[in-house]
Amino acid sequence: KTVDVYLTIDEGKKYYIRNIDWVGNTIYPSDYLSAVLGMKPGDVYNQK
């Protein structure tokens, strides 16, 4: 009626953002896009 689940995880290391550069934008300036993005250099690199 039941099963056991076994998981082995390799966590790796934690990464941070060093720089954010915008390329190809002409409608909105980079500073404005960075403010909308809400992420800045030094933050944890949160892919989600």
All heavy atoms as atom14 arrays in JSON, in Angstrom:
{
  "sequence": "KTVDVYLTIDEGKKYYIRNIDWVGNTIYPSDYLSAVLGMKPGDVYNQK",
  "atom14_mask": [
    [1, 1, 1, 1, 1, 1, 1, 1, 1, 0, 0, 0, 0, 0],
    [1, 1, 1, 1, 1, 1, 1, 0, 0, 0, 0, 0, 0, 0],
    [1, 1, 1, 1, 1, 1, 1, 0, 0, 0, 0, 0, 0, 0],
    [1, 1, 1, 1, 1, 1, 1, 1, 0, 0, 0, 0, 0, 0],
    [1, 1, 1, 1, 1, 1, 1, 0, 0, 0, 0, 0, 0, 0],
    [1, 1, 1, 1, 1, 1, 1, 1, 1, 1, 1, 1, 0, 0],
    [1, 1, 1, 1, 1, 1, 1, 1, 0, 0, 0, 0, 0, 0],
    [1, 1, 1, 1, 1, 1, 1, 0, 0, 0, 0, 0, 0, 0],
    [1, 1, 1, 1, 1, 1, 1, 1, 0, 0, 0, 0, 0, 0],
    [1, 1, 1, 1, 1, 1, 1, 1, 0, 0, 0, 0, 0, 0],
    [1, 1, 1, 1, 1, 1, 1, 1, 1, 0, 0, 0, 0, 0],
    [1, 1, 1, 1, 0, 0, 0, 0, 0, 0, 0, 0, 0, 0],
    [1, 1, 1, 1, 1, 1, 1, 1, 1, 0, 0, 0, 0, 0],
    [1, 1, 1, 1, 1, 1, 1, 1, 1, 0, 0, 0, 0, 0],
    [1, 1, 1, 1, 1, 1, 1, 1, 1, 1, 1, 1, 0, 0],
    [1, 1, 1, 1, 1, 1, 1, 1, 1, 1, 1, 1, 0, 0],
    [1, 1, 1, 1, 1, 1, 1, 1, 0, 0, 0, 0, 0, 0],
    [1, 1, 1, 1, 1, 1, 1, 1, 1, 1, 1, 0, 0, 0],
    [1, 1, 1, 1, 1, 1, 1, 1, 0, 0, 0, 0, 0, 0],
    [1, 1, 1, 1, 1, 1, 1, 1, 0, 0, 0, 0, 0, 0],
    [1, 1, 1, 1, 1, 1, 1, 1, 0, 0, 0, 0, 0, 0],
    [1, 1, 1, 1, 1, 1, 1, 1, 1, 1, 1, 1, 1, 1],
    [1, 1, 1, 1, 1, 1, 1, 0, 0, 0, 0, 0, 0, 0],
    [1, 1, 1, 1, 0, 0, 0, 0, 0, 0, 0, 0, 0, 0],
    [1, 1, 1, 1, 1, 1, 1, 1, 0, 0, 0, 0, 0, 0],
    [1, 1, 1, 1, 1, 1, 1, 0, 0, 0, 0, 0, 0, 0],
    [1, 1, 1, 1, 1, 1, 1, 1, 0, 0, 0, 0, 0, 0],
    [1, 1, 1, 1, 1, 1, 1, 1, 1, 1, 1, 1, 0, 0],
    [1, 1, 1, 1, 1, 1, 1, 0, 0, 0, 0, 0, 0, 0],
    [1, 1, 1, 1, 1, 1, 0, 0, 0, 0, 0, 0, 0, 0],
    [1, 1, 1, 1, 1, 1, 1, 1, 0, 0, 0, 0, 0, 0],
    [1, 1, 1, 1, 1, 1, 1, 1, 1, 1, 1, 1, 0, 0],
    [1, 1, 1, 1, 1, 1, 1, 1, 0, 0, 0, 0, 0, 0],
    [1, 1, 1, 1, 1, 1, 0, 0, 0, 0, 0, 0, 0, 0],
    [1, 1, 1, 1, 1, 0, 0, 0, 0, 0, 0, 0, 0, 0],
    [1, 1, 1, 1, 1, 1, 1, 0, 0, 0, 0, 0, 0, 0],
    [1, 1, 1, 1, 1, 1, 1, 1, 0, 0, 0, 0, 0, 0],
    [1, 1, 1, 1, 0, 0, 0, 0, 0, 0, 0, 0, 0, 0],
    [1, 1, 1, 1, 1, 1, 1, 1, 0, 0, 0, 0, 0, 0],
    [1, 1, 1, 1, 1, 1, 1, 1, 1, 0, 0, 0, 0, 0],
    [1, 1, 1, 1, 1, 1, 1, 0, 0, 0, 0, 0, 0, 0],
    [1, 1, 1, 1, 0, 0, 0, 0, 0, 0, 0, 0, 0, 0],
    [1, 1, 1, 1, 1, 1, 1, 1, 0, 0, 0, 0, 0, 0],
    [1, 1, 1, 1, 1, 1, 1, 0, 0, 0, 0, 0, 0, 0],
    [1, 1, 1, 1, 1, 1, 1, 1, 1, 1, 1, 1, 0, 0],
    [1, 1, 1, 1, 1, 1, 1, 1, 0, 0, 0, 0, 0, 0],
    [1, 1, 1, 1, 1, 1, 1, 1, 1, 0, 0, 0, 0, 0],
    [1, 1, 1, 1, 1, 1, 1, 1, 1, 0, 0, 0, 0, 0]
  ],
  "atom14_positions": [
    [[0.8, -1.23, 0.0], [0.0, 0.0, 0.0], [0.83, 1.28, 0.0], [0.28, 2.36, -0.21], [-0.94, 0.0, 1.21], [-1.91, -1.15, 1.23], [-2.8, -1.09, 2.47], [-3.76, -2.29, 2.51], [-4.62, -2.24, 3.72], [0.0, 0.0, 0.0], [0.0, 0.0, 0.0], [0.0, 0.0, 0.0], [0.0, 0.0, 0.0], [0.0, 0.0, 0.0]],
    [[2.13, 1.19, 0.26], [2.94, 2.4, 0.38], [4.3, 2.23, -0.3], [4.75, 1.11, -0.57], [3.18, 2.76, 1.86], [3.86, 1.68, 2.49], [1.87, 3.05, 2.57], [0.0, 0.0, 0.0], [0.0, 0.0, 0.0], [0.0, 0.0, 0.0], [0.0, 0.0, 0.0], [0.0, 0.0, 0.0], [0.0, 0.0, 0.0], [0.0, 0.0, 0.0]],
    [[4.94, 3.38, -0.56], [6.29, 3.4, -1.11], [7.14, 4.38, -0.31], [6.63, 5.29, 0.35], [6.28, 3.83, -2.6], [5.57, 2.81, -3.46], [5.67, 5.22, -2.77], [0.0, 0.0, 0.0], [0.0, 0.0, 0.0], [0.0, 0.0, 0.0], [0.0, 0.0, 0.0], [0.0, 0.0, 0.0], [0.0, 0.0, 0.0], [0.0, 0.0, 0.0]],
    [[8.44, 4.17, -0.37], [9.41, 5.11, 0.2], [10.07, 5.89, -0.93], [10.36, 5.33, -2.0], [10.47, 4.37, 1.02], [9.94, 3.86, 2.34], [8.98, 4.47, 2.87], [10.48, 2.86, 2.85], [0.0, 0.0, 0.0], [0.0, 0.0, 0.0], [0.0, 0.0, 0.0], [0.0, 0.0, 0.0], [0.0, 0.0, 0.0], [0.0, 0.0, 0.0]],
    [[10.31, 7.18, -0.69], [10.94, 8.05, -1.69], [12.3, 8.47, -1.17], [12.42, 8.96, -0.03], [10.07, 9.29, -1.98], [10.78, 10.22, -2.95], [8.71, 8.86, -2.54], [0.0, 0.0, 0.0], [0.0, 0.0, 0.0], [0.0, 0.0, 0.0], [0.0, 0.0, 0.0], [0.0, 0.0, 0.0], [0.0, 0.0, 0.0], [0.0, 0.0, 0.0]],
    [[13.33, 8.31, -1.98], [14.7, 8.68, -1.61], [15.2, 9.77, -2.55], [15.13, 9.63, -3.78], [15.62, 7.47, -1.69], [15.32, 6.39, -0.66], [14.36, 5.42, -0.93], [16.0, 6.35, 0.56], [14.07, 4.43, 0.0], [15.72, 5.36, 1.5], [14.74, 4.41, 1.21], [14.46, 3.44, 2.13], [0.0, 0.0, 0.0], [0.0, 0.0, 0.0]],
    [[15.69, 10.88, -1.99], [16.21, 12.01, -2.76], [17.62, 12.36, -2.32], [17.88, 12.45, -1.11], [15.31, 13.24, -2.59], [13.86, 13.14, -3.06], [13.07, 14.35, -2.59], [13.79, 13.02, -4.57], [0.0, 0.0, 0.0], [0.0, 0.0, 0.0], [0.0, 0.0, 0.0], [0.0, 0.0, 0.0], [0.0, 0.0, 0.0], [0.0, 0.0, 0.0]],
    [[18.51, 12.55, -3.29], [19.86, 13.05, -2.99], [20.03, 14.37, -3.72], [19.88, 14.42, -4.95], [20.93, 12.05, -3.44], [20.7, 10.8, -2.81], [22.32, 12.57, -3.08], [0.0, 0.0, 0.0], [0.0, 0.0, 0.0], [0.0, 0.0, 0.0], [0.0, 0.0, 0.0], [0.0, 0.0, 0.0], [0.0, 0.0, 0.0], [0.0, 0.0, 0.0]],
    [[20.37, 15.42, -2.97], [20.41, 16.78, -3.52], [21.83, 17.34, -3.48], [22.53, 17.2, -2.48], [19.46, 17.71, -2.74], [18.01, 17.2, -2.85], [19.55, 19.15, -3.25], [17.04, 17.96, -1.99], [0.0, 0.0, 0.0], [0.0, 0.0, 0.0], [0.0, 0.0, 0.0], [0.0, 0.0, 0.0], [0.0, 0.0, 0.0], [0.0, 0.0, 0.0]],
    [[22.22, 17.97, -4.59], [23.45, 18.76, -4.63], [23.04, 20.22, -4.66], [22.53, 20.7, -5.67], [24.27, 18.39, -5.87], [25.59, 19.16, -5.94], [25.87, 19.94, -5.02], [26.32, 18.97, -6.94], [0.0, 0.0, 0.0], [0.0, 0.0, 0.0], [0.0, 0.0, 0.0], [0.0, 0.0, 0.0], [0.0, 0.0, 0.0], [0.0, 0.0, 0.0]],
    [[23.23, 20.92, -3.55], [22.72, 22.29, -3.44], [23.55, 23.29, -4.23], [23.04, 24.33, -4.66], [22.68, 22.71, -1.97], [21.7, 21.87, -1.15], [21.72, 22.22, 0.32], [22.8, 22.57, 0.84], [20.66, 22.15, 0.96], [0.0, 0.0, 0.0], [0.0, 0.0, 0.0], [0.0, 0.0, 0.0], [0.0, 0.0, 0.0], [0.0, 0.0, 0.0]],
    [[24.81, 23.03, -4.45], [25.65, 24.01, -5.12], [25.93, 25.19, -4.2], [25.79, 25.12, -2.99], [0.0, 0.0, 0.0], [0.0, 0.0, 0.0], [0.0, 0.0, 0.0], [0.0, 0.0, 0.0], [0.0, 0.0, 0.0], [0.0, 0.0, 0.0], [0.0, 0.0, 0.0], [0.0, 0.0, 0.0], [0.0, 0.0, 0.0], [0.0, 0.0, 0.0]],
    [[26.3, 26.33, -4.81], [26.59, 27.51, -3.98], [25.63, 28.65, -4.29], [24.95, 28.65, -5.32], [28.03, 27.97, -4.19], [28.39, 28.34, -5.61], [29.88, 28.7, -5.7], [30.29, 29.02, -7.13], [31.74, 29.32, -7.23], [0.0, 0.0, 0.0], [0.0, 0.0, 0.0], [0.0, 0.0, 0.0], [0.0, 0.0, 0.0], [0.0, 0.0, 0.0]],
    [[25.61, 29.61, -3.4], [24.68, 30.73, -3.49], [25.29, 31.84, -4.34], [26.46, 32.18, -4.19], [24.39, 31.26, -2.08], [23.25, 32.24, -1.98], [22.94, 32.52, -0.51], [21.71, 33.39, -0.37], [21.36, 33.59, 1.06], [0.0, 0.0, 0.0], [0.0, 0.0, 0.0], [0.0, 0.0, 0.0], [0.0, 0.0, 0.0], [0.0, 0.0, 0.0]],
    [[24.45, 32.42, -5.22], [24.92, 33.46, -6.13], [24.22, 34.79, -5.84], [23.07, 34.82, -5.38], [24.66, 33.07, -7.59], [25.57, 31.96, -8.09], [25.25, 30.63, -7.9], [26.75, 32.28, -8.76], [26.08, 29.62, -8.35], [27.58, 31.27, -9.23], [27.24, 29.95, -9.01], [28.07, 28.96, -9.47], [0.0, 0.0, 0.0], [0.0, 0.0, 0.0]],
    [[24.98, 35.87, -6.17], [24.46, 37.23, -6.0], [24.57, 37.98, -7.33], [25.36, 37.62, -8.2], [25.25, 37.97, -4.91], [25.16, 37.33, -3.54], [26.02, 36.28, -3.19], [24.22, 37.76, -2.62], [25.94, 35.69, -1.94], [24.14, 37.16, -1.36], [25.0, 36.12, -1.03], [24.91, 35.54, 0.2], [0.0, 0.0, 0.0], [0.0, 0.0, 0.0]],
    [[23.76, 39.05, -7.44], [23.8, 39.87, -8.66], [24.91, 40.9, -8.5], [24.94, 41.65, -7.51], [22.45, 40.57, -8.89], [21.34, 39.53, -9.08], [22.53, 41.49, -10.11], [19.95, 40.12, -9.17], [0.0, 0.0, 0.0], [0.0, 0.0, 0.0], [0.0, 0.0, 0.0], [0.0, 0.0, 0.0], [0.0, 0.0, 0.0], [0.0, 0.0, 0.0]],
    [[25.81, 40.99, -9.49], [26.88, 41.98, -9.45], [26.5, 43.22, -10.26], [26.65, 44.34, -9.79], [28.17, 41.39, -10.0], [29.35, 42.36, -9.95], [30.66, 41.64, -10.19], [30.58, 40.78, -11.37], [31.27, 39.65, -11.51], [32.07, 39.24, -10.54], [31.16, 38.92, -12.6], [0.0, 0.0, 0.0], [0.0, 0.0, 0.0], [0.0, 0.0, 0.0]],
    [[25.99, 43.02, -11.48], [25.58, 44.14, -12.33], [24.32, 43.77, -13.1], [24.07, 42.6, -13.38], [26.68, 44.5, -13.35], [27.93, 45.03, -12.68], [27.88, 46.0, -11.93], [29.06, 44.38, -12.94], [0.0, 0.0, 0.0], [0.0, 0.0, 0.0], [0.0, 0.0, 0.0], [0.0, 0.0, 0.0], [0.0, 0.0, 0.0], [0.0, 0.0, 0.0]],
    [[23.52, 44.8, -13.45], [22.35, 44.62, -14.31], [22.45, 45.62, -15.44], [22.46, 46.85, -15.21], [21.03, 44.82, -13.54], [20.91, 43.82, -12.39], [19.83, 44.67, -14.49], [19.66, 44.01, -11.54], [0.0, 0.0, 0.0], [0.0, 0.0, 0.0], [0.0, 0.0, 0.0], [0.0, 0.0, 0.0], [0.0, 0.0, 0.0], [0.0, 0.0, 0.0]],
    [[22.53, 45.15, -16.66], [22.62, 46.01, -17.83], [21.42, 45.75, -18.75], [21.02, 44.61, -18.98], [23.91, 45.73, -18.61], [25.16, 46.11, -17.82], [25.11, 47.16, -17.14], [26.15, 45.36, -17.87], [0.0, 0.0, 0.0], [0.0, 0.0, 0.0], [0.0, 0.0, 0.0], [0.0, 0.0, 0.0], [0.0, 0.0, 0.0], [0.0, 0.0, 0.0]],
    [[20.85, 46.87, -19.3], [19.73, 46.78, -20.23], [20.25, 47.06, -21.64], [20.98, 48.04, -21.85], [18.64, 47.78, -19.87], [18.05, 47.52, -18.51], [18.53, 47.97, -17.31], [16.9, 46.73, -18.22], [17.75, 47.52, -16.27], [16.72, 46.75, -16.8], [15.99, 46.02, -18.99], [15.68, 46.08, -16.17], [14.96, 45.36, -18.35], [14.81, 45.38, -16.97]],
    [[19.88, 46.25, -22.57], [20.36, 46.39, -23.96], [19.15, 46.4, -24.89], [18.28, 45.53, -24.8], [21.3, 45.22, -24.35], [21.75, 45.36, -25.8], [22.5, 45.18, -23.42], [0.0, 0.0, 0.0], [0.0, 0.0, 0.0], [0.0, 0.0, 0.0], [0.0, 0.0, 0.0], [0.0, 0.0, 0.0], [0.0, 0.0, 0.0], [0.0, 0.0, 0.0]],
    [[19.08, 47.39, -25.78], [18.03, 47.43, -26.8], [16.84, 48.29, -26.44], [15.91, 48.41, -27.23], [0.0, 0.0, 0.0], [0.0, 0.0, 0.0], [0.0, 0.0, 0.0], [0.0, 0.0, 0.0], [0.0, 0.0, 0.0], [0.0, 0.0, 0.0], [0.0, 0.0, 0.0], [0.0, 0.0, 0.0], [0.0, 0.0, 0.0], [0.0, 0.0, 0.0]],
    [[16.82, 48.91, -25.26], [15.68, 49.73, -24.85], [15.81, 51.14, -25.36], [16.86, 51.8, -25.22], [15.54, 49.72, -23.32], [16.82, 50.16, -22.62], [17.89, 49.6, -22.86], [16.7, 51.16, -21.74], [0.0, 0.0, 0.0], [0.0, 0.0, 0.0], [0.0, 0.0, 0.0], [0.0, 0.0, 0.0], [0.0, 0.0, 0.0], [0.0, 0.0, 0.0]],
    [[14.73, 51.64, -26.0], [14.67, 53.03, -26.48], [13.44, 53.76, -25.93], [13.42, 54.98, -25.87], [14.62, 53.07, -28.02], [13.44, 52.39, -28.47], [15.85, 52.42, -28.62], [0.0, 0.0, 0.0], [0.0, 0.0, 0.0], [0.0, 0.0, 0.0], [0.0, 0.0, 0.0], [0.0, 0.0, 0.0], [0.0, 0.0, 0.0], [0.0, 0.0, 0.0]],
    [[12.43, 53.02, -25.54], [11.18, 53.64, -25.06], [11.32, 54.08, -23.61], [10.92, 55.18, -23.24], [9.99, 52.66, -25.19], [9.93, 52.07, -26.6], [8.69, 53.34, -24.84], [9.78, 53.1, -27.69], [0.0, 0.0, 0.0], [0.0, 0.0, 0.0], [0.0, 0.0, 0.0], [0.0, 0.0, 0.0], [0.0, 0.0, 0.0], [0.0, 0.0, 0.0]],
    [[11.91, 53.24, -22.8], [12.08, 53.54, -21.38], [13.57, 53.56, -21.05], [14.33, 52.71, -21.54], [11.39, 52.49, -20.5], [9.88, 52.42, -20.67], [9.31, 51.41, -21.44], [9.05, 53.35, -20.07], [7.93, 51.33, -21.6], [7.68, 53.29, -20.22], [7.12, 52.27, -20.98], [5.76, 52.21, -21.13], [0.0, 0.0, 0.0], [0.0, 0.0, 0.0]],
    [[14.01, 54.5, -20.2], [15.42, 54.52, -19.81], [15.77, 53.36, -18.89], [14.9, 52.78, -18.22], [15.55, 55.87, -19.07], [14.18, 56.2, -18.6], [13.24, 55.63, -19.63], [0.0, 0.0, 0.0], [0.0, 0.0, 0.0], [0.0, 0.0, 0.0], [0.0, 0.0, 0.0], [0.0, 0.0, 0.0], [0.0, 0.0, 0.0], [0.0, 0.0, 0.0]],
    [[17.03, 53.02, -18.84], [17.48, 51.86, -18.05], [17.17, 52.03, -16.57], [16.8, 51.06, -15.89], [18.99, 51.66, -18.26], [19.28, 51.36, -19.6], [0.0, 0.0, 0.0], [0.0, 0.0, 0.0], [0.0, 0.0, 0.0], [0.0, 0.0, 0.0], [0.0, 0.0, 0.0], [0.0, 0.0, 0.0], [0.0, 0.0, 0.0], [0.0, 0.0, 0.0]],
    [[17.35, 53.26, -16.04], [17.09, 53.47, -14.61], [15.63, 53.17, -14.26], [15.33, 52.6, -13.21], [17.42, 54.91, -14.22], [18.93, 55.19, -14.26], [19.69, 54.2, -14.29], [19.32, 56.37, -14.28], [0.0, 0.0, 0.0], [0.0, 0.0, 0.0], [0.0, 0.0, 0.0], [0.0, 0.0, 0.0], [0.0, 0.0, 0.0], [0.0, 0.0, 0.0]],
    [[14.74, 53.57, -15.17], [13.31, 53.33, -14.92], [13.0, 51.83, -14.96], [12.28, 51.31, -14.11], [12.46, 54.08, -15.95], [10.97, 53.86, -15.78], [10.3, 54.41, -14.69], [10.25, 53.09, -16.68], [8.94, 54.22, -14.53], [8.89, 52.88, -16.52], [8.24, 53.45, -15.44], [6.89, 53.25, -15.26], [0.0, 0.0, 0.0], [0.0, 0.0, 0.0]],
    [[13.58, 51.15, -15.95], [13.35, 49.7, -16.05], [13.92, 48.97, -14.83], [13.32, 48.01, -14.35], [13.99, 49.15, -17.33], [13.36, 49.63, -18.64], [14.13, 49.08, -19.83], [11.89, 49.19, -18.72], [0.0, 0.0, 0.0], [0.0, 0.0, 0.0], [0.0, 0.0, 0.0], [0.0, 0.0, 0.0], [0.0, 0.0, 0.0], [0.0, 0.0, 0.0]],
    [[15.06, 49.43, -14.32], [15.64, 48.81, -13.14], [14.74, 49.01, -11.92], [14.59, 48.12, -11.08], [17.03, 49.38, -12.85], [17.94, 49.02, -13.87], [0.0, 0.0, 0.0], [0.0, 0.0, 0.0], [0.0, 0.0, 0.0], [0.0, 0.0, 0.0], [0.0, 0.0, 0.0], [0.0, 0.0, 0.0], [0.0, 0.0, 0.0], [0.0, 0.0, 0.0]],
    [[14.11, 50.2, -11.85], [13.2, 50.47, -10.73], [11.97, 49.56, -10.8], [11.5, 49.05, -9.78], [12.78, 51.94, -10.75], [0.0, 0.0, 0.0], [0.0, 0.0, 0.0], [0.0, 0.0, 0.0], [0.0, 0.0, 0.0], [0.0, 0.0, 0.0], [0.0, 0.0, 0.0], [0.0, 0.0, 0.0], [0.0, 0.0, 0.0], [0.0, 0.0, 0.0]],
    [[11.47, 49.36, -12.02], [10.32, 48.46, -12.2], [10.72, 47.03, -11.87], [9.96, 46.28, -11.24], [9.77, 48.56, -13.64], [8.71, 47.5, -13.88], [9.22, 49.95, -13.91], [0.0, 0.0, 0.0], [0.0, 0.0, 0.0], [0.0, 0.0, 0.0], [0.0, 0.0, 0.0], [0.0, 0.0, 0.0], [0.0, 0.0, 0.0], [0.0, 0.0, 0.0]],
    [[11.92, 46.64, -12.27], [12.4, 45.29, -12.02], [12.47, 45.0, -10.52], [12.15, 43.88, -10.08], [13.78, 45.1, -12.66], [14.43, 43.73, -12.51], [13.61, 42.67, -13.24], [15.86, 43.74, -13.04], [0.0, 0.0, 0.0], [0.0, 0.0, 0.0], [0.0, 0.0, 0.0], [0.0, 0.0, 0.0], [0.0, 0.0, 0.0], [0.0, 0.0, 0.0]],
    [[12.9, 45.97, -9.74], [12.92, 45.79, -8.29], [14.07, 44.92, -7.8], [14.04, 44.43, -6.67], [0.0, 0.0, 0.0], [0.0, 0.0, 0.0], [0.0, 0.0, 0.0], [0.0, 0.0, 0.0], [0.0, 0.0, 0.0], [0.0, 0.0, 0.0], [0.0, 0.0, 0.0], [0.0, 0.0, 0.0], [0.0, 0.0, 0.0], [0.0, 0.0, 0.0]],
    [[15.08, 44.72, -8.64], [16.26, 43.95, -8.24], [17.47, 44.83, -8.5], [17.51, 45.57, -9.49], [16.35, 42.65, -9.03], [15.14, 41.75, -8.86], [15.17, 40.27, -9.92], [16.48, 39.33, -9.15], [0.0, 0.0, 0.0], [0.0, 0.0, 0.0], [0.0, 0.0, 0.0], [0.0, 0.0, 0.0], [0.0, 0.0, 0.0], [0.0, 0.0, 0.0]],
    [[18.48, 44.72, -7.63], [19.64, 45.6, -7.76], [20.92, 44.83, -7.46], [20.88, 43.73, -6.87], [19.5, 46.8, -6.81], [19.4, 46.42, -5.35], [19.16, 47.65, -4.49], [19.14, 47.31, -3.01], [18.1, 46.35, -2.65], [0.0, 0.0, 0.0], [0.0, 0.0, 0.0], [0.0, 0.0, 0.0], [0.0, 0.0, 0.0], [0.0, 0.0, 0.0]],
    [[22.08, 45.38, -7.87], [23.36, 44.72, -7.56], [23.5, 44.47, -6.06], [23.15, 45.32, -5.23], [24.4, 45.71, -8.07], [23.71, 46.44, -9.18], [22.28, 46.57, -8.73], [0.0, 0.0, 0.0], [0.0, 0.0, 0.0], [0.0, 0.0, 0.0], [0.0, 0.0, 0.0], [0.0, 0.0, 0.0], [0.0, 0.0, 0.0], [0.0, 0.0, 0.0]],
    [[23.99, 43.3, -5.73], [24.16, 42.92, -4.33], [23.05, 42.01, -3.83], [23.2, 41.33, -2.82], [0.0, 0.0, 0.0], [0.0, 0.0, 0.0], [0.0, 0.0, 0.0], [0.0, 0.0, 0.0], [0.0, 0.0, 0.0], [0.0, 0.0, 0.0], [0.0, 0.0, 0.0], [0.0, 0.0, 0.0], [0.0, 0.0, 0.0], [0.0, 0.0, 0.0]],
    [[21.88, 42.0, -4.56], [20.78, 41.14, -4.15], [21.09, 39.68, -4.45], [21.89, 39.36, -5.34], [19.49, 41.51, -4.89], [18.9, 42.83, -4.37], [19.41, 43.34, -3.35], [17.95, 43.33, -5.0], [0.0, 0.0, 0.0], [0.0, 0.0, 0.0], [0.0, 0.0, 0.0], [0.0, 0.0, 0.0], [0.0, 0.0, 0.0], [0.0, 0.0, 0.0]],
    [[20.44, 38.8, -3.72], [20.52, 37.37, -4.02], [19.94, 37.14, -5.41], [18.93, 37.75, -5.81], [19.75, 36.55, -2.97], [19.62, 35.09, -3.41], [20.44, 36.64, -1.62], [0.0, 0.0, 0.0], [0.0, 0.0, 0.0], [0.0, 0.0, 0.0], [0.0, 0.0, 0.0], [0.0, 0.0, 0.0], [0.0, 0.0, 0.0], [0.0, 0.0, 0.0]],
    [[20.57, 36.28, -6.19], [20.11, 35.99, -7.55], [18.9, 35.07, -7.48], [19.01, 33.85, -7.48], [21.23, 35.35, -8.35], [20.85, 35.01, -9.78], [20.07, 35.86, -10.54], [21.27, 33.81, -10.36], [19.72, 35.56, -11.83], [20.93, 33.5, -11.66], [20.15, 34.37, -12.4], [19.8, 34.06, -13.68], [0.0, 0.0, 0.0], [0.0, 0.0, 0.0]],
    [[17.7, 35.69, -7.43], [16.43, 34.97, -7.31], [15.83, 34.81, -8.7], [15.23, 35.73, -9.25], [15.49, 35.75, -6.4], [14.2, 35.01, -6.11], [13.78, 34.16, -6.87], [13.56, 35.36, -5.0], [0.0, 0.0, 0.0], [0.0, 0.0, 0.0], [0.0, 0.0, 0.0], [0.0, 0.0, 0.0], [0.0, 0.0, 0.0], [0.0, 0.0, 0.0]],
    [[15.96, 33.62, -9.29], [15.49, 33.4, -10.65], [13.97, 33.48, -10.75], [13.44, 33.94, -11.77], [15.99, 32.04, -11.15], [17.49, 32.0, -11.4], [17.97, 30.61, -11.77], [17.94, 29.7, -10.94], [18.42, 30.44, -12.99], [0.0, 0.0, 0.0], [0.0, 0.0, 0.0], [0.0, 0.0, 0.0], [0.0, 0.0, 0.0], [0.0, 0.0, 0.0]],
    [[13.26, 33.02, -9.74], [11.81, 33.1, -9.76], [11.33, 34.55, -9.76], [10.43, 34.93, -10.52], [11.23, 32.35, -8.55], [9.71, 32.32, -8.54], [9.18, 31.49, -7.37], [7.66, 31.46, -7.4], [7.12, 30.62, -6.27], [0.0, 0.0, 0.0], [0.0, 0.0, 0.0], [0.0, 0.0, 0.0], [0.0, 0.0, 0.0], [0.0, 0.0, 0.0]]
  ]
}
